[in-house]
PDB file of N, CA and C in Angstrom:
ATOM      1  N   MET A   1       4.753  -9.461 -37.595  1.00  0.00           N
ATOM      2  CA  MET A   1       5.375  -8.905 -36.177  1.00  0.00           C
ATOM      3  C   MET A   1       6.771  -9.554 -36.441  1.00  0.00           C
ATOM      4  N   LYS A   2       8.082  -9.274 -35.575  1.00  0.00           N
ATOM      5  CA  LYS A   2       9.049  -9.656 -35.659  1.00  0.00           C
ATOM      6  C   LYS A   2       9.299 -10.893 -34.854  1.00  0.00           C
ATOM      7  N   GLN A   3       9.525 -11.608 -35.049  1.00  0.00           N
ATOM      8  CA  GLN A   3      10.327 -12.602 -33.634  1.00  0.00           C
ATOM      9  C   GLN A   3      11.500 -12.972 -33.123  1.00  0.00           C
ATOM     10  N   THR A   4      11.153 -13.135 -32.252  1.00  0.00           N
ATOM     11  CA  THR A   4      12.726 -12.314 -31.123  1.00  0.00           C
ATOM     12  C   THR A   4      12.828 -14.252 -30.945  1.00  0.00           C
ATOM     13  N   SER A   5      14.314 -14.159 -30.339  1.00  0.00           N
ATOM     14  CA  SER A   5      14.804 -15.482 -30.125  1.00  0.00           C
ATOM     15  C   SER A   5      13.931 -15.433 -28.336  1.00  0.00           C
ATOM     16  N   ALA A   6      14.799 -16.323 -27.480  1.00  0.00           N
ATOM     17  CA  ALA A   6      14.093 -17.097 -26.424  1.00  0.00           C
ATOM     18  C   ALA A   6      14.291 -15.933 -25.217  1.00  0.00           C
ATOM     19  N   GLU A   7      15.912 -15.507 -25.492  1.00  0.00           N
ATOM     20  CA  GLU A   7      16.653 -14.297 -25.051  1.00  0.00           C
ATOM     21  C   GLU A   7      16.478 -13.519 -25.213  1.00  0.00           C
ATOM     22  N   GLU A   8      16.312 -12.581 -26.089  1.00  0.00           N
ATOM     23  CA  GLU A   8      14.814 -11.369 -26.088  1.00  0.00           C
ATOM     24  C   GLU A   8      13.640 -11.063 -26.180  1.00  0.00           C
ATOM     25  N   PHE A   9      12.936 -12.558 -25.856  1.00  0.00           N
ATOM     26  CA  PHE A   9      11.491 -11.892 -25.230  1.00  0.00           C
ATOM     27  C   PHE A   9      12.074 -11.973 -23.982  1.00  0.00           C
ATOM     28  N   ILE A  10      12.892 -12.869 -23.096  1.00  0.00           N
ATOM     29  CA  ILE A  10      12.979 -12.607 -21.901  1.00  0.00           C
ATOM     30  C   ILE A  10      13.388 -11.534 -21.729  1.00  0.00           C
ATOM     31  N   GLU A  11      14.489 -10.970 -21.892  1.00  0.00           N
ATOM     32  CA  GLU A  11      15.132  -9.042 -22.177  1.00  0.00           C
ATOM     33  C   GLU A  11      14.078  -8.178 -21.953  1.00  0.00           C
ATOM     34  N   ILE A  12      12.943  -8.020 -22.735  1.00  0.00           N
ATOM     35  CA  ILE A  12      11.852  -7.222 -23.474  1.00  0.00           C
ATOM     36  C   ILE A  12      11.155  -7.398 -22.069  1.00  0.00           C
ATOM     37  N   TRP A  13      10.454  -9.019 -21.251  1.00  0.00           N
ATOM     38  CA  TRP A  13       9.724  -9.056 -20.656  1.00  0.00           C
ATOM     39  C   TRP A  13      10.434  -8.498 -19.275  1.00  0.00           C
ATOM     40  N   ASN A  14      11.759  -8.705 -18.937  1.00  0.00           N
ATOM     41  CA  ASN A  14      12.560  -8.272 -17.830  1.00  0.00           C
ATOM     42  C   ASN A  14      12.771  -6.487 -17.364  1.00  0.00           C
ATOM     43  N   ARG A  15      12.810  -6.151 -19.022  1.00  0.00           N
ATOM     44  CA  ARG A  15      12.570  -4.570 -18.976  1.00  0.00           C
ATOM     45  C   ARG A  15      11.054  -4.242 -18.233  1.00  0.00           C
ATOM     46  N   GLN A  16      10.160  -4.576 -19.084  1.00  0.00           N
ATOM     47  CA  GLN A  16       8.595  -4.396 -18.582  1.00  0.00           C
ATOM     48  C   GLN A  16       8.572  -4.141 -17.582  1.00  0.00           C
ATOM     49  N   LYS A  17       8.754  -5.672 -16.584  1.00  0.00           N
ATOM     50  CA  LYS A  17       8.205  -6.138 -15.421  1.00  0.00           C
ATOM     51  C   LYS A  17       9.034  -4.833 -14.621  1.00  0.00           C
ATOM     52  N   LYS A  18      10.057  -4.353 -15.182  1.00  0.00           N
ATOM     53  CA  LYS A  18      11.120  -3.140 -14.434  1.00  0.00           C
ATOM     54  C   LYS A  18      10.154  -2.048 -14.043  1.00  0.00           C
ATOM     55  N   LYS A  19       9.826  -2.053 -15.048  1.00  0.00           N
ATOM     56  CA  LYS A  19       9.132  -0.150 -16.005  1.00  0.00           C
ATOM     57  C   LYS A  19       7.485  -0.258 -14.957  1.00  0.00           C
ATOM     58  N   GLU A  20       6.884  -1.607 -14.582  1.00  0.00           N
ATOM     59  CA  GLU A  20       5.924  -1.781 -13.496  1.00  0.00           C
ATOM     60  C   GLU A  20       6.532  -1.647 -11.987  1.00  0.00           C
ATOM     61  N   GLY A  21       7.112  -2.271 -12.045  1.00  0.00           N
ATOM     62  CA  GLY A  21       7.900  -2.426 -10.417  1.00  0.00           C
ATOM     63  C   GLY A  21       7.982  -0.932 -10.544  1.00  0.00           C
ATOM     64  N   ASP A  22       8.967  -0.143 -10.469  1.00  0.00           N
ATOM     65  CA  ASP A  22       8.609   1.023 -11.093  1.00  0.00           C
ATOM     66  C   ASP A  22       8.244   2.315 -10.395  1.00  0.00           C
ATOM     67  N   ALA A  23       6.889   1.872 -11.273  1.00  0.00           N
ATOM     68  CA  ALA A  23       5.516   2.648 -11.251  1.00  0.00           C
ATOM     69  C   ALA A  23       4.657   2.276 -10.126  1.00  0.00           C
ATOM     70  N   ILE A  24       4.518   1.309  -9.190  1.00  0.00           N
ATOM     71  CA  ILE A  24       4.445   0.902  -7.955  1.00  0.00           C
ATOM     72  C   ILE A  24       5.142   1.007  -7.639  1.00  0.00           C
ATOM     73  N   GLN A  25       6.340   1.726  -7.308  1.00  0.00           N
ATOM     74  CA  GLN A  25       7.426   2.159  -5.767  1.00  0.00           C
ATOM     75  C   GLN A  25       7.198   3.209  -6.148  1.00  0.00           C
ATOM     76  N   GLN A  26       6.771   4.447  -7.328  1.00  0.00           N
ATOM     77  CA  GLN A  26       6.455   5.991  -7.163  1.00  0.00           C
ATOM     78  C   GLN A  26       5.276   6.130  -6.420  1.00  0.00           C
ATOM     79  N   ALA A  27       4.263   4.855  -7.101  1.00  0.00           N
ATOM     80  CA  ALA A  27       3.107   5.532  -6.632  1.00  0.00           C
ATOM     81  C   ALA A  27       2.397   5.318  -4.767  1.00  0.00           C
ATOM     82  N   ALA A  28       3.777   4.301  -4.446  1.00  0.00           N
ATOM     83  CA  ALA A  28       3.658   3.946  -2.780  1.00  0.00           C
ATOM     84  C   ALA A  28       3.149   5.151  -2.043  1.00  0.00           C
ATOM     85  N   PRO A  29       3.972   6.199  -2.717  1.00  0.00           N
ATOM     86  CA  PRO A  29       4.142   7.614  -1.062  1.00  0.00           C
ATOM     87  C   PRO A  29       2.595   7.599  -1.507  1.00  0.00           C
ATOM     88  N   SER A  30       1.930   8.205  -2.624  1.00  0.00           N
ATOM     89  CA  SER A  30       0.896   9.124  -2.708  1.00  0.00           C
ATOM     90  C   SER A  30      -0.549   7.861  -2.351  1.00  0.00           C
ATOM     91  N   MET A  31      -0.019   6.666  -1.927  1.00  0.00           N
ATOM     92  CA  MET A  31      -1.146   5.772  -1.719  1.00  0.00           C
ATOM     93  C   MET A  31      -1.175   5.905   0.181  1.00  0.00           C
ATOM     94  N   ILE A  32      -0.289   6.283   0.636  1.00  0.00           N
ATOM     95  CA  ILE A  32      -0.429   6.805   2.321  1.00  0.00           C
ATOM     96  C   ILE A  32      -1.180   7.354   2.463  1.00  0.00           C
ATOM     97  N   PRO A  33      -1.327   8.771   2.192  1.00  0.00           N
ATOM     98  CA  PRO A  33      -2.270   9.977   2.610  1.00  0.00           C
ATOM     99  C   PRO A  33      -4.345   9.062   1.938  1.00  0.00           C
ATOM    100  N   ASN A  34      -3.568   8.487   0.955  1.00  0.00           N
ATOM    101  CA  ASN A  34      -4.749   7.979   0.708  1.00  0.00           C
ATOM    102  C   ASN A  34      -5.459   6.733   1.233  1.00  0.00           C
ATOM    103  N   ILE A  35      -4.735   5.770   1.995  1.00  0.00           N
ATOM    104  CA  ILE A  35      -5.590   4.652   3.096  1.00  0.00           C
ATOM    105  C   ILE A  35      -5.815   4.920   4.269  1.00  0.00           C
ATOM    106  N   LEU A  36      -4.877   6.470   4.547  1.00  0.00           N
ATOM    107  CA  LEU A  36      -4.956   6.620   5.919  1.00  0.00           C
ATOM    108  C   LEU A  36      -6.985   7.685   6.057  1.00  0.00           C
ATOM    109  N   GLY A  37      -7.071   8.741   4.784  1.00  0.00           N
ATOM    110  CA  GLY A  37      -8.449   8.869   4.180  1.00  0.00           C
ATOM    111  C   GLY A  37      -9.229   8.110   4.645  1.00  0.00           C
ATOM    112  N   LYS A  38      -8.764   6.876   3.835  1.00  0.00           N
ATOM    113  CA  LYS A  38     -10.166   6.300   3.148  1.00  0.00           C
ATOM    114  C   LYS A  38     -10.114   5.101   5.281  1.00  0.00           C
ATOM    115  N   ALA A  39      -9.200   5.469   6.433  1.00  0.00           N
ATOM    116  CA  ALA A  39      -9.622   4.415   7.055  1.00  0.00           C
ATOM    117  C   ALA A  39     -10.642   5.862   8.377  1.00  0.00           C
ATOM    118  N   VAL A  40      -9.752   6.798   8.006  1.00  0.00           N
ATOM    119  CA  VAL A  40     -10.957   8.266   8.277  1.00  0.00           C
ATOM    120  C   VAL A  40     -12.238   8.167   8.102  1.00  0.00           C
ATOM    121  N   VAL A  41     -12.409   7.916   6.457  1.00  0.00           N
ATOM    122  CA  VAL A  41     -14.059   7.546   6.064  1.00  0.00           C
ATOM    123  C   VAL A  41     -14.605   6.526   6.795  1.00  0.00           C
ATOM    124  N   THR A  42     -14.438   5.540   6.870  1.00  0.00           N
ATOM    125  CA  THR A  42     -14.846   4.668   7.270  1.00  0.00           C
ATOM    126  C   THR A  42     -14.645   4.383   8.606  1.00  0.00           C
ATOM    127  N   LEU A  43     -14.149   5.227   8.857  1.00  0.00           N
ATOM    128  CA  LEU A  43     -14.420   4.930  11.336  1.00  0.00           C
ATOM    129  C   LEU A  43     -15.192   5.601  11.593  1.00  0.00           C
ATOM    130  N   VAL A  44     -15.446   7.227  10.248  1.00  0.00           N
ATOM    131  CA  VAL A  44     -16.497   8.584  10.817  1.00  0.00           C
ATOM    132  C   VAL A  44     -17.983   7.630  10.381  1.00  0.00           C
ATOM    133  N   SER A  45     -17.938   6.671   9.269  1.00  0.00           N
ATOM    134  CA  SER A  45     -19.460   6.462   8.355  1.00  0.00           C
ATOM    135  C   SER A  45     -19.869   5.581   9.499  1.00  0.00           C
ATOM    136  N   GLN A  46     -19.230   4.671  10.185  1.00  0.00           N
ATOM    137  CA  GLN A  46     -19.647   3.654  11.147  1.00  0.00           C
ATOM    138  C   GLN A  46     -19.983   4.059  12.644  1.00  0.00           C
ATOM    139  N   ASN A  47     -19.372   6.130  13.301  1.00  0.00           N
ATOM    140  CA  ASN A  47     -20.042   6.500  13.700  1.00  0.00           C
ATOM    141  C   ASN A  47     -18.960   5.367  14.903  1.00  0.00           C
ATOM    142  N   GLN A  48     -18.128   5.721  14.450  1.00  0.00           N
ATOM    143  CA  GLN A  48     -16.988   5.242  15.662  1.00  0.00           C
ATOM    144  C   GLN A  48     -15.786   6.791  15.929  1.00  0.00           C
ATOM    145  N   GLN A  49     -15.691   6.943  17.136  1.00  0.00           N
ATOM    146  CA  GLN A  49     -14.360   7.868  17.864  1.00  0.00           C
ATOM    147  C   GLN A  49     -13.730   7.631  16.423  1.00  0.00           C
ATOM    148  N   LEU A  50     -12.749   8.730  16.613  1.00  0.00           N
ATOM    149  CA  LEU A  50     -11.698   9.200  15.654  1.00  0.00           C
ATOM    150  C   LEU A  50     -10.536   9.462  16.613  1.00  0.00           C
ATOM    151  N   THR A  51      -9.822   8.295  16.720  1.00  0.00           N
ATOM    152  CA  THR A  51      -8.783   8.640  17.905  1.00  0.00           C
ATOM    153  C   THR A  51      -7.775   7.610  16.945  1.00  0.00           C
ATOM    154  N   THR A  52      -6.708   8.392  17.155  1.00  0.00           N
ATOM    155  CA  THR A  52      -5.211   7.405  16.813  1.00  0.00           C
ATOM    156  C   THR A  52      -5.223   5.646  17.558  1.00  0.00           C
ATOM    157  N   GLU A  53      -5.500   5.913  18.173  1.00  0.00           N
ATOM    158  CA  GLU A  53      -5.633   4.376  18.606  1.00  0.00           C
ATOM    159  C   GLU A  53      -7.168   3.244  17.565  1.00  0.00           C
ATOM    160  N   SER A  54      -8.371   3.669  17.521  1.00  0.00           N
ATOM    161  CA  SER A  54      -9.345   3.288  16.589  1.00  0.00           C
ATOM    162  C   SER A  54      -8.409   3.378  15.257  1.00  0.00           C
ATOM    163  N   LEU A  55      -7.319   4.364  14.881  1.00  0.00           N
ATOM    164  CA  LEU A  55      -6.801   4.195  13.420  1.00  0.00           C
ATOM    165  C   LEU A  55      -6.019   3.315  13.546  1.00  0.00           C
ATOM    166  N   ILE A  56      -5.289   2.390  14.334  1.00  0.00           N
ATOM    167  CA  ILE A  56      -4.393   1.773  14.794  1.00  0.00           C
ATOM    168  C   ILE A  56      -4.851   0.043  14.286  1.00  0.00           C
ATOM    169  N   ASN A  57      -6.426   0.310  14.749  1.00  0.00           N
ATOM    170  CA  ASN A  57      -7.099  -0.908  15.394  1.00  0.00           C
ATOM    171  C   ASN A  57      -7.075  -1.302  13.538  1.00  0.00           C
ATOM    172  N   TYR A  58      -8.136  -0.313  13.209  1.00  0.00           N
ATOM    173  CA  TYR A  58      -8.669  -0.305  11.753  1.00  0.00           C
ATOM    174  C   TYR A  58      -7.272  -0.452  10.706  1.00  0.00           C
ATOM    175  N   LEU A  59      -6.405   0.309  10.603  1.00  0.00           N
ATOM    176  CA  LEU A  59      -5.360  -0.269   9.663  1.00  0.00           C
ATOM    177  C   LEU A  59      -4.603  -2.012  10.252  1.00  0.00           C
ATOM    178  N   GLU A  60      -4.687  -2.141  11.010  1.00  0.00           N
ATOM    179  CA  GLU A  60      -4.416  -3.353  11.679  1.00  0.00           C
ATOM    180  C   GLU A  60      -5.124  -4.424  11.425  1.00  0.00           C
ATOM    181  N   ASP A  61      -6.417  -4.511  11.062  1.00  0.00           N
ATOM    182  CA  ASP A  61      -7.107  -5.196  10.862  1.00  0.00           C
ATOM    183  C   ASP A  61      -7.896  -5.019   9.515  1.00  0.00           C
ATOM    184  N   GLN A  62      -6.613  -4.376   8.523  1.00  0.00           N
ATOM    185  CA  GLN A  62      -6.840  -3.878   7.030  1.00  0.00           C
ATOM    186  C   GLN A  62      -5.229  -4.667   6.374  1.00  0.00           C
ATOM    187  N   VAL A  63      -4.068  -4.678   7.344  1.00  0.00           N
ATOM    188  CA  VAL A  63      -3.155  -5.497   7.541  1.00  0.00           C
ATOM    189  C   VAL A  63      -3.324  -7.222   7.229  1.00  0.00           C
ATOM    190  N   GLN A  64      -4.794  -7.195   8.350  1.00  0.00           N
ATOM    191  CA  GLN A  64      -4.986  -8.792   8.226  1.00  0.00           C
ATOM    192  C   GLN A  64      -5.799  -8.791   7.142  1.00  0.00           C
ATOM    193  N   ARG A  65      -6.374  -8.247   6.794  1.00  0.00           N
ATOM    194  CA  ARG A  65      -7.533  -8.189   5.004  1.00  0.00           C
ATOM    195  C   ARG A  65      -6.593  -8.584   4.045  1.00  0.00           C
ATOM    196  N   THR A  66      -5.626  -7.761   4.512  1.00  0.00           N
ATOM    197  CA  THR A  66      -5.498  -8.031   3.122  1.00  0.00           C
ATOM    198  C   THR A  66      -3.318  -8.367   2.912  1.00  0.00           C
ATOM    199  N   GLN A  67      -3.717  -9.926   3.646  1.00  0.00           N
ATOM    200  CA  GLN A  67      -2.631 -10.595   3.707  1.00  0.00           C
ATOM    201  C   GLN A  67      -2.253 -10.837   2.544  1.00  0.00           C
ATOM    202  N   GLY A  68      -0.917 -11.027   1.841  1.00  0.00           N
ATOM    203  CA  GLY A  68      -1.032 -12.278   0.339  1.00  0.00           C
ATOM    204  C   GLY A  68      -1.470 -10.770  -0.649  1.00  0.00           C
ATOM    205  N   ASN A  69      -1.912  -9.591  -0.586  1.00  0.00           N
ATOM    206  CA  ASN A  69      -1.301  -8.463  -1.509  1.00  0.00           C
ATOM    207  C   ASN A  69      -1.176  -7.497  -1.605  1.00  0.00           C
ATOM    208  N   LEU A  70      -0.602  -6.277  -2.590  1.00  0.00           N
ATOM    209  CA  LEU A  70      -0.022  -5.293  -2.887  1.00  0.00           C
ATOM    210  C   LEU A  70      -0.420  -4.670  -1.603  1.00  0.00           C
ATOM    211  N   LEU A  71      -1.481  -4.856  -1.410  1.00  0.00           N
ATOM    212  CA  LEU A  71      -2.331  -3.237  -0.508  1.00  0.00           C
ATOM    213  C   LEU A  71      -2.049  -3.477   1.002  1.00  0.00           C
ATOM    214  N   GLU A  72      -1.262  -5.279   0.717  1.00  0.00           N
ATOM    215  CA  GLU A  72      -1.290  -4.986   3.124  1.00  0.00           C
ATOM    216  C   GLU A  72       0.288  -4.677   2.831  1.00  0.00           C
ATOM    217  N   SER A  73       1.006  -4.032   1.626  1.00  0.00           N
ATOM    218  CA  SER A  73       2.287  -3.893   1.855  1.00  0.00           C
ATOM    219  C   SER A  73       2.446  -1.782   2.447  1.00  0.00           C
ATOM    220  N   TRP A  74       1.298  -1.634   1.732  1.00  0.00           N
ATOM    221  CA  TRP A  74       0.147  -0.001   1.996  1.00  0.00           C
ATOM    222  C   TRP A  74       0.108  -0.231   3.017  1.00  0.00           C
ATOM    223  N   ASN A  75      -0.638  -0.850   3.364  1.00  0.00           N
ATOM    224  CA  ASN A  75      -1.238  -0.980   5.125  1.00  0.00           C
ATOM    225  C   ASN A  75      -0.821  -0.951   6.002  1.00  0.00           C
ATOM    226  N   ARG A  76       0.347  -2.196   5.856  1.00  0.00           N
ATOM    227  CA  ARG A  76       1.302  -2.242   6.567  1.00  0.00           C
ATOM    228  C   ARG A  76       1.869  -0.661   6.800  1.00  0.00           C
ATOM    229  N   THR A  77       2.744  -0.349   6.175  1.00  0.00           N
ATOM    230  CA  THR A  77       3.336   1.173   5.673  1.00  0.00           C
ATOM    231  C   THR A  77       2.566   2.624   6.640  1.00  0.00           C
ATOM    232  N   ALA A  78       1.451   2.927   5.990  1.00  0.00           N
ATOM    233  CA  ALA A  78       0.793   3.376   6.743  1.00  0.00           C
ATOM    234  C   ALA A  78       0.184   3.211   8.270  1.00  0.00           C
ATOM    235  N   LEU A  79       0.592   1.810   8.812  1.00  0.00           N
ATOM    236  CA  LEU A  79       0.003   2.052   9.738  1.00  0.00           C
ATOM    237  C   LEU A  79       1.469   1.942  11.216  1.00  0.00           C
ATOM    238  N   GLN A  80       2.332   1.339  10.511  1.00  0.00           N
ATOM    239  CA  GLN A  80       3.597   2.019  11.275  1.00  0.00           C
ATOM    240  C   GLN A  80       3.778   3.277  10.679  1.00  0.00           C
ATOM    241  N   LEU A  81       3.775   4.240  10.506  1.00  0.00           N
ATOM    242  CA  LEU A  81       4.160   5.700   9.929  1.00  0.00           C
ATOM    243  C   LEU A  81       3.093   6.467  11.149  1.00  0.00           C
ATOM    244  N   LEU A  82       1.233   5.886  11.215  1.00  0.00           N
ATOM    245  CA  LEU A  82       0.511   6.100  12.128  1.00  0.00           C
ATOM    246  C   LEU A  82       1.470   5.890  13.899  1.00  0.00           C
ATOM    247  N   LYS A  83       1.687   3.946  14.163  1.00  0.00           N
ATOM    248  CA  LYS A  83       2.517   4.398  15.098  1.00  0.00           C
ATOM    249  C   LYS A  83       3.503   5.484  15.732  1.00  0.00           C
ATOM    250  N   ASP A  84       4.236   5.413  14.622  1.00  0.00           N
ATOM    251  CA  ASP A  84       5.535   6.049  14.436  1.00  0.00           C
ATOM    252  C   ASP A  84       5.241   7.438  14.936  1.00  0.00           C
ATOM    253  N   SER A  85       4.243   8.092  13.934  1.00  0.00           N
ATOM    254  CA  SER A  85       3.723   9.488  14.598  1.00  0.00           C
ATOM    255  C   SER A  85       3.855  10.055  16.326  1.00  0.00           C
ATOM    256  N   ALA A  86       2.515   8.727  16.653  1.00  0.00           N
ATOM    257  CA  ALA A  86       1.818   8.339  17.348  1.00  0.00           C
ATOM    258  C   ALA A  86       2.439   8.308  18.775  1.00  0.00           C
ATOM    259  N   SER A  87       3.918   7.190  18.400  1.00  0.00           N
ATOM    260  CA  SER A  87       5.169   6.832  19.880  1.00  0.00           C
ATOM    261  C   SER A  87       5.741   8.362  20.302  1.00  0.00           C
ATOM    262  N   PRO A  88       6.035   8.612  21.975  1.00  0.00           N
ATOM    263  CA  PRO A  88       6.838   9.918  22.013  1.00  0.00           C
ATOM    264  C   PRO A  88       8.354   9.655  21.851  1.00  0.00           C
ATOM    265  N   LYS A  89       8.603  11.067  21.273  1.00  0.00           N
ATOM    266  CA  LYS A  89      10.009  10.432  20.764  1.00  0.00           C
ATOM    267  C   LYS A  89      10.665  10.795  22.177  1.00  0.00           C
TER     268      LYS A  89
END
């Protein structure tokens, strides 16, 4: 195994982290439908009425439950999308 200097190690590390970050950003749009689908399935399985308001309430709860991790931003984005689509123009 080739030894690298500290500068080379940091450069390699930063490139890898950037690749991982790019992958997460690319995956985010596909996560929104999954999050909304999970909300629908959860509400239906709990015999709750499926309304925009119940979806918003569920997602607000999920935002609180996932604070501080990656899912929080996806839940927050799904919540905002739902609120924006429900609000009159």
